[in-house]
Protein backbone atom coordinates (compact mmCIF):
# COMPACT_ATOMS: atom_id res chain seq x y z
CA MET A 1 39.70 -12.15 -19.18
CA THR A 2 36.12 -13.81 -19.08
CA GLN A 3 33.60 -12.34 -21.08
CA GLN A 4 29.50 -11.67 -20.86
CA MET A 5 28.54 -15.26 -22.58
CA PRO A 6 26.74 -14.12 -25.73
CA ARG A 7 23.66 -15.21 -25.51
CA ILE A 8 21.98 -15.45 -29.43
CA VAL A 9 23.42 -18.36 -32.01
CA ALA A 10 22.98 -16.55 -35.81
CA LYS A 11 23.62 -18.97 -38.74
CA PHE A 12 24.48 -17.65 -42.29
CA GLY A 13 23.89 -20.50 -44.94
CA GLY A 14 25.77 -20.82 -48.06
CA SER A 15 22.14 -19.36 -49.81
CA ASN A 16 24.05 -15.79 -48.22
CA LEU A 17 27.84 -16.56 -49.49
CA LYS A 18 27.76 -15.93 -52.82
CA SER A 19 29.98 -12.85 -52.94
CA ALA A 20 32.11 -10.18 -51.56
CA ALA A 21 29.24 -8.04 -51.39
CA ASP A 22 27.12 -10.72 -49.81
CA LEU A 23 30.25 -10.94 -46.89
CA HIS A 24 29.64 -7.17 -46.54
CA HIS A 25 26.31 -7.34 -46.02
CA ILE A 26 26.59 -10.25 -43.09
CA GLY A 27 28.88 -8.00 -41.36
CA ASP A 28 26.54 -5.33 -40.80
CA ILE A 29 23.73 -7.34 -40.16
CA ILE A 30 26.12 -8.65 -37.45
CA GLU A 31 27.26 -5.04 -36.53
CA ALA A 32 22.77 -4.63 -35.81
CA TYR A 33 22.54 -7.24 -33.38
CA GLN A 34 25.19 -4.51 -31.04
CA GLN A 35 25.77 -7.21 -28.43
CA PRO A 36 28.14 -10.82 -28.05
CA ILE A 37 26.32 -13.35 -30.37
CA VAL A 38 27.92 -16.62 -31.91
CA ILE A 39 27.70 -16.82 -35.29
CA VAL A 40 28.29 -20.07 -37.53
CA VAL A 41 28.80 -20.21 -40.60
CA SER A 42 28.30 -22.41 -43.89
CA ALA A 43 30.47 -23.00 -46.79
CA PHE A 44 30.42 -20.86 -49.76
CA PHE A 45 27.73 -21.66 -52.47
CA GLY A 46 28.55 -24.13 -54.35
CA VAL A 47 31.98 -25.34 -52.42
CA THR A 48 30.65 -28.23 -50.90
CA ASN A 49 29.77 -29.55 -54.21
CA PHE A 50 32.67 -28.74 -55.50
CA LEU A 51 34.36 -30.81 -52.80
CA GLN A 52 32.36 -33.88 -53.50
CA GLU A 53 32.93 -33.66 -57.32
CA MET A 54 36.78 -33.86 -55.90
CA LEU A 55 36.35 -36.19 -53.54
CA TRP A 56 34.67 -38.44 -56.35
CA LYS A 57 37.17 -37.34 -59.54
CA CYS A 58 40.46 -37.57 -57.16
CA ARG A 59 40.26 -41.33 -56.98
CA THR A 60 41.61 -41.84 -60.73
CA ASP A 61 42.76 -38.32 -61.78
CA GLU A 62 45.67 -36.97 -59.73
CA GLN A 63 45.01 -33.76 -61.94
CA THR A 64 41.95 -33.20 -60.11
CA ILE A 65 43.33 -32.36 -56.89
CA LEU A 66 45.91 -29.71 -57.94
CA ALA A 67 43.29 -27.84 -60.23
CA GLY A 68 40.69 -27.96 -57.51
CA ALA A 69 43.27 -26.79 -54.83
CA ASP A 70 44.30 -23.85 -56.89
CA PHE A 71 40.33 -23.05 -57.54
CA LEU A 72 39.83 -22.54 -54.39
CA LYS A 73 42.43 -20.50 -53.50
CA ASN A 74 41.86 -18.35 -55.89
CA MET A 75 38.51 -17.90 -54.93
CA LYS A 76 39.33 -17.49 -51.35
CA GLN A 77 42.21 -14.85 -52.02
CA GLU A 78 39.82 -12.68 -54.33
CA LEU A 79 37.22 -12.83 -51.30
CA VAL A 80 40.13 -12.01 -48.36
CA ASN A 81 41.58 -8.85 -50.68
CA SER A 82 37.87 -7.75 -51.43
CA VAL A 83 36.74 -7.39 -47.66
CA ILE A 84 39.63 -7.50 -45.51
CA SER A 85 41.49 -3.82 -45.44
CA ASP A 86 43.94 -4.05 -42.64
CA PRO A 87 47.25 -6.14 -44.22
CA ILE A 88 47.84 -8.04 -41.16
CA LEU A 89 44.45 -9.32 -40.73
CA ARG A 90 44.47 -9.90 -44.46
CA ALA A 91 47.57 -11.95 -44.06
CA GLU A 92 46.34 -14.20 -40.92
CA ALA A 93 43.32 -15.19 -43.03
CA PHE A 94 46.20 -15.88 -45.86
CA GLU A 95 47.88 -18.34 -43.86
CA LYS A 96 44.50 -19.94 -42.73
CA ILE A 97 43.68 -21.18 -46.20
CA ASP A 98 46.60 -22.08 -47.04
CA PHE A 99 47.52 -24.48 -44.30
CA ARG A 100 44.33 -25.74 -44.45
CA LEU A 101 44.17 -26.17 -48.34
CA ARG A 102 47.50 -28.11 -47.59
CA GLN A 103 45.62 -30.28 -45.30
CA MET A 104 42.90 -30.82 -47.87
CA THR A 105 45.51 -31.58 -50.63
CA ARG A 106 47.25 -34.37 -48.50
CA TYR A 107 43.78 -35.93 -47.45
CA LEU A 108 42.97 -36.22 -51.22
CA LEU A 109 46.38 -37.50 -52.59
CA GLY A 110 45.63 -40.33 -49.94
CA VAL A 111 42.11 -40.76 -51.24
CA HIS A 112 43.82 -41.11 -54.97
CA TYR A 113 46.34 -43.63 -54.11
CA MET A 114 43.87 -45.78 -52.15
CA GLY A 115 41.32 -45.44 -55.10
CA ASP A 116 38.57 -44.83 -52.10
CA ALA A 117 38.09 -42.36 -49.84
CA PRO A 118 37.79 -43.66 -46.30
CA SER A 119 34.55 -42.40 -43.86
CA PHE A 120 36.96 -40.04 -41.87
CA ALA A 121 38.67 -38.91 -45.16
CA GLU A 122 35.31 -37.80 -46.56
CA ASP A 123 34.06 -35.82 -43.75
CA THR A 124 37.00 -34.06 -43.17
CA VAL A 125 37.49 -32.80 -46.71
CA LEU A 126 34.28 -31.74 -47.03
CA SER A 127 34.50 -29.52 -43.80
CA TYR A 128 36.93 -27.17 -45.24
CA GLY A 129 34.42 -25.40 -46.85
CA GLU A 130 32.50 -24.24 -43.73
CA GLN A 131 36.38 -23.89 -42.47
CA PHE A 132 37.33 -21.44 -45.01
CA SER A 133 34.09 -19.30 -44.67
CA ALA A 134 34.94 -18.77 -41.22
CA ALA A 135 38.32 -17.96 -41.47
CA ILE A 136 37.04 -14.75 -43.84
CA LEU A 137 34.26 -13.93 -41.96
CA SER A 138 36.11 -13.42 -38.14
CA GLY A 139 38.94 -11.44 -40.39
CA LEU A 140 36.11 -9.61 -41.78
CA LEU A 141 34.64 -8.79 -38.64
CA LYS A 142 38.05 -8.24 -36.65
CA SER A 143 38.52 -5.69 -39.71
CA ARG A 144 35.59 -3.86 -38.68
CA GLY A 145 36.62 -3.44 -35.20
CA LEU A 146 34.50 -6.19 -33.73
CA GLU A 147 36.48 -8.81 -31.07
CA ALA A 148 35.75 -11.63 -33.35
CA GLU A 149 37.49 -14.95 -32.67
CA GLU A 150 37.62 -18.02 -34.56
CA LEU A 151 36.95 -20.83 -32.97
CA LEU A 152 36.76 -24.43 -34.91
CA PRO A 153 34.83 -27.06 -33.27
CA ASP A 154 38.20 -28.90 -32.46
CA THR A 155 39.43 -25.80 -29.99
CA LEU A 156 35.52 -25.10 -29.09
CA GLY A 157 34.89 -29.27 -27.98
CA LEU A 158 31.92 -29.77 -29.82
CA ILE A 159 31.59 -33.54 -29.27
CA THR A 160 29.92 -36.36 -31.19
CA ASP A 161 28.92 -39.33 -30.86
CA GLY A 162 31.33 -40.85 -33.39
CA GLU A 163 29.66 -41.52 -36.14
CA PHE A 164 30.83 -40.24 -39.57
CA GLY A 165 28.63 -38.44 -42.12
CA ASN A 166 25.62 -38.53 -39.57
CA ALA A 167 26.71 -37.72 -36.25
CA THR A 168 24.96 -36.07 -33.17
CA VAL A 169 26.32 -33.75 -30.75
CA ASP A 170 27.13 -35.48 -27.48
CA PHE A 171 25.94 -32.70 -24.87
CA SER A 172 27.10 -34.09 -21.76
CA ALA A 173 30.62 -33.73 -22.98
CA SER A 174 30.63 -30.94 -25.04
CA CYS A 175 28.41 -28.62 -22.41
CA GLN A 176 31.24 -27.57 -20.00
CA LEU A 177 34.15 -27.20 -23.06
CA VAL A 178 31.86 -25.08 -25.01
CA ARG A 179 30.97 -22.79 -22.58
CA LYS A 180 34.48 -21.90 -21.33
CA ALA A 181 35.34 -21.50 -24.64
CA LEU A 182 32.83 -19.29 -25.60
CA SER A 183 33.22 -17.49 -22.18
CA LYS A 184 36.58 -15.55 -22.97
CA HIS A 185 34.74 -14.16 -26.44
CA SER A 186 32.58 -11.77 -27.35
CA PHE A 187 31.89 -12.86 -30.85
CA ALA A 188 32.94 -16.42 -31.84
CA VAL A 189 32.89 -17.15 -35.76
CA ILE A 190 32.20 -21.36 -35.93
CA PRO A 191 32.27 -23.23 -38.93
CA GLY A 192 29.17 -25.24 -39.36
CA PHE A 193 28.48 -28.65 -40.37
CA TYR A 194 30.72 -30.39 -38.41
CA GLY A 195 32.14 -31.45 -34.89
CA ILE A 196 34.64 -33.50 -33.34
CA SER A 197 34.96 -37.58 -32.50
CA PRO A 198 35.99 -38.59 -28.83
CA ALA A 199 38.62 -39.82 -31.35
CA GLY A 200 39.57 -36.44 -32.27
CA LYS A 201 38.22 -37.08 -35.52
CA ILE A 202 36.07 -34.75 -37.88
CA ASN A 203 32.17 -35.93 -38.11
CA LEU A 204 30.14 -34.15 -40.28
CA PHE A 205 26.08 -33.51 -39.13
CA GLY A 206 24.63 -34.58 -42.59
CA ARG A 207 24.32 -33.01 -45.07
CA GLY A 208 23.41 -29.51 -44.72
CA GLY A 209 24.27 -30.16 -41.07
CA SER A 210 25.02 -26.01 -40.19
CA ASP A 211 21.53 -25.62 -39.01
CA TYR A 212 21.82 -28.47 -36.62
CA SER A 213 25.56 -27.60 -35.14
CA ALA A 214 24.13 -23.55 -34.53
CA ALA A 215 20.96 -25.34 -32.84
CA ALA A 216 23.44 -27.74 -30.58
CA LEU A 217 25.04 -24.71 -29.70
CA ALA A 218 21.70 -22.58 -29.08
CA ARG A 219 21.11 -25.22 -26.23
CA ILE A 220 24.76 -25.34 -24.92
CA ILE A 221 24.83 -21.96 -24.33
CA GLN A 222 21.14 -21.57 -23.51
CA ALA A 223 20.68 -19.06 -25.88
CA GLU A 224 17.80 -16.62 -25.98
CA SER A 225 17.36 -17.25 -29.81
CA LEU A 226 18.64 -19.33 -32.86
CA ASP A 227 18.70 -17.01 -35.37
CA VAL A 228 18.53 -18.21 -38.81
CA TRP A 229 19.70 -16.25 -41.73
CA LYS A 230 18.25 -16.96 -45.11
CA ASP A 231 17.67 -15.50 -48.51
CA VAL A 232 13.86 -16.52 -48.07
CA ASN A 233 10.70 -14.64 -46.39
CA GLY A 234 11.13 -17.32 -43.90
CA PHE A 235 8.02 -20.34 -43.71
CA MET A 236 5.06 -19.89 -46.83
CA SER A 237 2.16 -21.46 -47.36
CA ALA A 238 3.89 -23.27 -50.41
CA ASP A 239 6.74 -23.00 -52.61
CA PRO A 240 6.23 -19.34 -54.42
CA LYS A 241 8.06 -20.78 -57.18
CA LEU A 242 5.08 -23.21 -57.91
CA VAL A 243 2.19 -20.90 -55.95
CA ARG A 244 1.70 -17.50 -56.48
CA ASN A 245 0.03 -15.12 -53.75
CA VAL A 246 1.20 -17.51 -51.15
CA ARG A 247 0.99 -16.58 -47.60
CA GLN A 248 3.89 -16.12 -44.87
CA ILE A 249 3.77 -18.28 -41.64
CA PRO A 250 4.59 -15.64 -39.02
CA GLU A 251 4.53 -18.28 -35.98
CA ILE A 252 5.07 -21.99 -36.48
CA SER A 253 5.48 -24.66 -34.18
CA TYR A 254 8.29 -27.32 -33.46
CA THR A 255 6.44 -30.04 -35.07
CA GLU A 256 5.18 -28.58 -37.88
CA ALA A 257 8.73 -27.13 -38.72
CA ALA A 258 10.33 -30.64 -38.48
CA GLU A 259 7.77 -32.22 -40.46
CA LEU A 260 7.79 -29.03 -43.61
CA ALA A 261 11.63 -30.00 -43.68
CA TYR A 262 11.52 -33.50 -43.01
CA PHE A 263 8.73 -33.73 -46.09
CA GLY A 264 11.11 -31.14 -48.34
CA ALA A 265 10.73 -27.08 -47.53
CA LYS A 266 14.13 -26.02 -47.53
CA ILE A 267 13.76 -23.35 -44.91
CA LEU A 268 15.64 -25.66 -41.98
CA HIS A 269 17.21 -29.09 -42.01
CA PRO A 270 14.95 -31.62 -40.25
CA ARG A 271 17.24 -31.76 -37.05
CA THR A 272 17.44 -28.42 -35.82
CA MET A 273 14.54 -28.68 -33.61
CA GLU A 274 15.78 -31.21 -32.06
CA PRO A 275 18.35 -29.88 -29.43
CA LEU A 276 15.92 -27.06 -29.26
CA LEU A 277 12.73 -28.72 -27.80
CA ASP A 278 13.93 -29.21 -24.20
CA ASP A 279 14.63 -25.51 -23.20
CA SER A 280 12.15 -24.07 -25.64
CA ILE A 281 14.58 -21.89 -27.35
CA PRO A 282 12.66 -20.20 -30.22
CA ILE A 283 14.34 -20.03 -33.90
CA ARG A 284 13.75 -16.90 -35.64
CA ILE A 285 14.18 -17.01 -39.56
CA PHE A 286 15.30 -13.74 -41.24
CA ASP A 287 15.00 -12.50 -44.83
CA SER A 288 18.85 -11.40 -45.35
CA ARG A 289 17.71 -9.74 -48.37
CA LYS A 290 15.39 -7.64 -46.36
CA PHE A 291 17.68 -6.13 -43.93
CA ARG A 292 17.75 -2.61 -43.65
CA GLY A 293 19.38 -1.85 -40.33
CA SER A 294 16.57 -3.31 -38.31
CA LEU A 295 16.31 -7.34 -36.94
CA LYS A 296 12.75 -8.37 -38.03
CA ALA A 297 11.74 -12.10 -38.01
CA ALA A 298 9.98 -13.11 -40.49
CA SER A 299 8.86 -16.34 -38.95
CA ILE A 300 9.54 -17.70 -35.55
CA VAL A 301 9.41 -21.23 -34.48
CA HIS A 302 8.78 -22.19 -31.15
CA GLU A 303 6.27 -24.67 -29.08
CA LYS A 304 3.30 -22.92 -29.03
CA ARG A 305 1.01 -25.34 -30.61
CA GLU A 306 -2.01 -23.12 -32.63
CA ILE A 307 -4.53 -24.56 -34.56
CA HIS A 308 -4.65 -22.51 -37.90
CA SER A 309 -8.44 -21.68 -39.11
CA THR A 310 -7.50 -23.08 -42.02
CA ILE A 311 -5.74 -26.17 -40.29
CA ILE A 312 -3.54 -26.97 -42.94
CA LYS A 313 -0.75 -23.87 -42.73
CA SER A 314 1.26 -25.12 -45.98
CA VAL A 315 1.44 -27.85 -48.50
CA THR A 316 4.83 -28.40 -49.16
CA TYR A 317 6.42 -31.81 -51.57
CA SER A 318 9.66 -33.69 -52.48
CA ASP A 319 10.70 -34.86 -55.27
CA ASP A 320 13.54 -36.99 -53.66
CA PHE A 321 11.37 -39.61 -53.14
CA GLY A 322 11.06 -43.16 -54.21
CA VAL A 323 9.23 -46.53 -53.26
CA LEU A 324 10.50 -49.82 -53.12
CA GLN A 325 7.45 -52.51 -53.24
CA LEU A 326 8.08 -55.91 -52.16
CA ALA A 327 5.17 -58.12 -53.18
CA GLY A 328 4.03 -61.51 -51.99
CA PRO A 329 1.46 -63.80 -50.69
CA GLY A 330 1.35 -62.76 -47.33
CA VAL A 331 4.65 -60.57 -47.32
CA GLY A 332 3.13 -58.21 -45.11
CA ILE A 333 2.62 -60.67 -42.18
CA LYS A 334 5.30 -62.85 -42.58
CA PRO A 335 7.49 -62.10 -39.27
CA GLY A 336 10.85 -61.03 -39.37
CA ILE A 337 10.86 -59.51 -43.38
CA LEU A 338 10.84 -56.12 -42.37
CA ALA A 339 13.42 -56.70 -39.46
CA MET A 340 15.94 -58.50 -41.61
CA LEU A 341 15.38 -55.79 -44.82
CA THR A 342 15.77 -52.67 -42.15
CA ARG A 343 18.86 -54.29 -40.42
CA GLU A 344 20.32 -54.75 -43.79
CA LEU A 345 19.65 -51.27 -44.94
CA ASP A 346 20.82 -49.56 -42.28
CA ARG A 347 24.07 -51.24 -42.19
CA ARG A 348 24.81 -50.33 -45.75
CA GLY A 349 24.07 -46.82 -44.32
CA ILE A 350 20.43 -46.50 -45.89
CA ASN A 351 17.72 -43.85 -44.43
CA ILE A 352 14.19 -45.69 -44.36
CA LYS A 353 11.86 -42.50 -44.53
CA SER A 354 8.76 -44.01 -44.20
CA VAL A 355 6.91 -47.71 -44.58
CA ILE A 356 3.57 -48.33 -45.01
CA THR A 357 2.84 -52.44 -45.22
CA ALA A 358 -0.44 -54.64 -46.37
CA GLN A 359 -1.29 -58.22 -46.42
CA THR A 360 0.47 -58.89 -50.14
CA SER A 361 2.89 -55.50 -49.71
CA ILE A 362 5.77 -53.88 -48.15
CA ASN A 363 5.84 -50.29 -49.69
CA ILE A 364 9.38 -48.67 -48.08
CA LEU A 365 9.74 -45.02 -49.29
CA LEU A 366 13.23 -43.92 -49.58
CA SER A 367 15.88 -41.38 -51.29
CA LEU A 368 16.13 -41.67 -54.97
CA ASN A 369 19.84 -42.34 -54.20
CA ASP A 370 19.42 -44.83 -52.20
CA LEU A 371 16.60 -46.92 -54.47
CA GLU A 372 18.69 -49.05 -56.66
CA LEU A 373 21.10 -50.25 -54.17
CA ALA A 374 18.37 -50.72 -51.37
CA ALA A 375 16.25 -53.09 -54.44
CA ASP A 376 19.60 -54.87 -55.12
CA LEU A 377 20.46 -55.88 -51.35
CA THR A 378 16.68 -56.85 -50.91
CA ARG A 379 17.02 -58.80 -53.96
CA ARG A 380 20.03 -60.74 -52.73
CA ALA A 381 18.76 -61.00 -48.78
CA ALA A 382 15.28 -62.24 -49.49
CA PRO A 383 14.93 -64.33 -52.46
CA GLU A 384 12.69 -66.47 -51.24
CA LEU A 385 10.48 -64.35 -49.35
CA VAL A 386 10.00 -62.12 -51.58
CA LYS A 387 8.76 -62.55 -54.96
CA ASN A 388 8.45 -59.42 -56.78
CA ILE A 389 10.56 -56.17 -56.45
CA THR A 390 9.01 -52.99 -57.39
CA VAL A 391 11.45 -49.72 -58.11
CA GLN A 392 9.36 -45.96 -58.92
CA ASP A 393 11.01 -43.49 -58.89
CA ASP A 394 9.08 -41.25 -61.16
CA VAL A 395 6.73 -40.32 -58.00
CA ALA A 396 6.85 -37.18 -56.13
CA LEU A 397 5.59 -36.76 -52.31
CA ILE A 398 2.95 -34.44 -51.26
CA ALA A 399 2.45 -33.13 -47.76
CA VAL A 400 -0.10 -31.09 -45.94
CA VAL A 401 1.40 -29.58 -42.56
CA GLY A 402 -0.91 -27.96 -39.40
CA GLU A 403 -1.60 -29.17 -35.83
CA GLY A 404 -4.89 -30.12 -35.54
CA ILE A 405 -4.72 -32.41 -39.07
CA LEU A 406 -6.00 -35.39 -37.22
CA GLU A 407 -8.36 -34.30 -35.02
CA THR A 408 -10.34 -32.73 -37.68
CA PRO A 409 -13.61 -34.47 -39.64
CA GLY A 410 -13.40 -34.87 -43.00
CA LEU A 411 -10.67 -33.18 -43.59
CA ALA A 412 -8.78 -35.80 -45.60
CA ALA A 413 -11.86 -36.09 -47.56
CA LYS A 414 -11.14 -32.44 -48.84
CA VAL A 415 -7.41 -32.76 -49.51
CA PHE A 416 -8.30 -35.79 -51.70
CA GLY A 417 -11.34 -34.51 -53.57
CA ALA A 418 -9.22 -31.37 -54.23
CA VAL A 419 -6.60 -33.36 -55.77
CA TYR A 420 -9.47 -35.38 -57.73
CA GLU A 421 -11.31 -32.57 -58.89
CA LYS A 422 -7.82 -32.01 -61.49
CA ARG A 423 -7.90 -35.95 -61.72
CA ILE A 424 -4.66 -36.64 -60.29
CA ASN A 425 -4.44 -40.13 -59.26
CA VAL A 426 -3.27 -40.39 -55.67
CA GLN A 427 -0.76 -43.51 -55.48
CA ILE A 428 0.40 -44.29 -51.54
CA ILE A 429 -1.68 -42.36 -48.59
CA SER A 430 -0.47 -41.92 -44.95
CA MET A 431 -2.11 -40.44 -42.24
CA GLY A 432 -1.66 -40.69 -38.60
CA ALA A 433 2.20 -41.30 -38.48
CA SER A 434 2.48 -37.67 -37.30
CA PRO A 435 -0.32 -35.44 -35.77
CA VAL A 436 0.69 -32.50 -37.70
CA ALA A 437 1.45 -33.81 -41.27
CA ALA A 438 -0.68 -36.04 -43.58
CA TYR A 439 1.37 -37.39 -47.36
CA PHE A 440 0.69 -39.02 -50.16
CA LEU A 441 2.16 -40.02 -53.87
CA VAL A 442 1.68 -39.16 -57.18
CA ASP A 443 3.05 -38.96 -60.49
CA GLN A 444 5.55 -36.60 -60.76
CA LYS A 445 4.07 -34.66 -63.57
CA ASP A 446 1.08 -33.77 -61.37
CA ARG A 447 2.87 -32.58 -58.24
CA THR A 448 2.41 -28.84 -59.55
CA GLU A 449 -0.96 -29.34 -60.01
CA ALA A 450 -1.67 -31.05 -57.07
CA VAL A 451 0.23 -28.65 -55.00
CA ARG A 452 -1.79 -25.78 -56.32
CA ALA A 453 -5.23 -27.82 -55.73
CA ILE A 454 -4.67 -27.97 -51.92
CA HIS A 455 -3.46 -24.55 -52.03
CA HIS A 456 -6.27 -23.30 -53.75
CA SER A 457 -8.98 -25.35 -51.52
CA PHE A 458 -7.25 -24.46 -47.98
CA ILE A 459 -5.34 -21.24 -47.49
CA ASN A 460 -6.88 -19.66 -50.74
CA ASN A 461 -10.20 -19.79 -49.26
CA GLY A 462 -11.63 -21.35 -53.11
CA VAL A 463 -10.35 -17.76 -54.69
CA GLU A 464 -8.15 -18.99 -57.84
CA ARG A 465 -5.20 -17.00 -57.81
CA VAL A 466 -2.51 -19.13 -59.44
């Protein structure tokens, strides 16, 4: 029988999944909605890293596979016994987990015998963390009397563009299938992080991609909101681990949220906003630690663009940036150099985070994990064009975010003046790439002092609180 289509998507991340008590807490939150919802769940905290490590070690060590599978089986069985009281539902969850563990083991054995992990195998193995979580949570909700059904993306019809490791949802292919599947269930529990290619292969949405999964589903069902449950108090004016007395940001625009996520804030995946923009579906950020029976969002992300009195709403940072500097006479204006390097890096799956050029140098900002490989590829691809290649891996990126940044005279001078007062050297500056963000690089040892200096100057109104 067709049910009323759920109108809210709620996503629970790995930081909320560390113990049996956390699962019970999630159950309490879901019951508090008092209406059908779509639930998207991540892997338990640390499980994706564990699976990644297994993928690496099993290439040369077959014992890693059996030992890892036994560890996961014992962990999941302990959780099932702790949260599912009904013996029939408990047996059903055990059966799902055992079946998936056997499938996972076969893939890992294949990786071992080949000595390498093809993209399809890596995506499949890493998807099991979310599948285990969904099996357990759906069993918990059923034991509480909720009509909760686990729906895997292949059953659901969440179709991707077919790219391994960093896929995008094909909405034209997915919408009708997903809506039809969800219309049959009051509560749907869906593993995040992946979808299914047109050929039936598992495609991951990138690390942290469960946020994107949830956003895609929210767009498909035209949800009232996407509710993201975290263990932090929404968006803040800075990282509270670095700066004391930070301010909560109750409302923030899609663009501001996207830039904060891109430049290091760990609240949302950078792609979360992407599916929601056209339909103006708000994202509500909840702090699961503060749930006491009512649903009160800590921050709301929406289309409204508002210039704050301080202009800068938040100062964020990332240590996962490095600089590949290509130097040589006229290298910045020689036709084709940048295009050639971009093609080569793209061919090897290396994402360029930013490019800043000058007459005698090209500075390419990359993830630290990609820096050495990119340097090696560049040396081999253009030895006659690029005379000097320098790798900087000891930098931190500092970003200031807020509507009105580009339109405010003197703002950049005040930002760099605050940093200069602490005698911190700024290496690379970029303004204008985004209408709501500006960023610069400093030595990693100066990162904390730079963040505090800017926050003090703009957010704390000159009152020292750090």
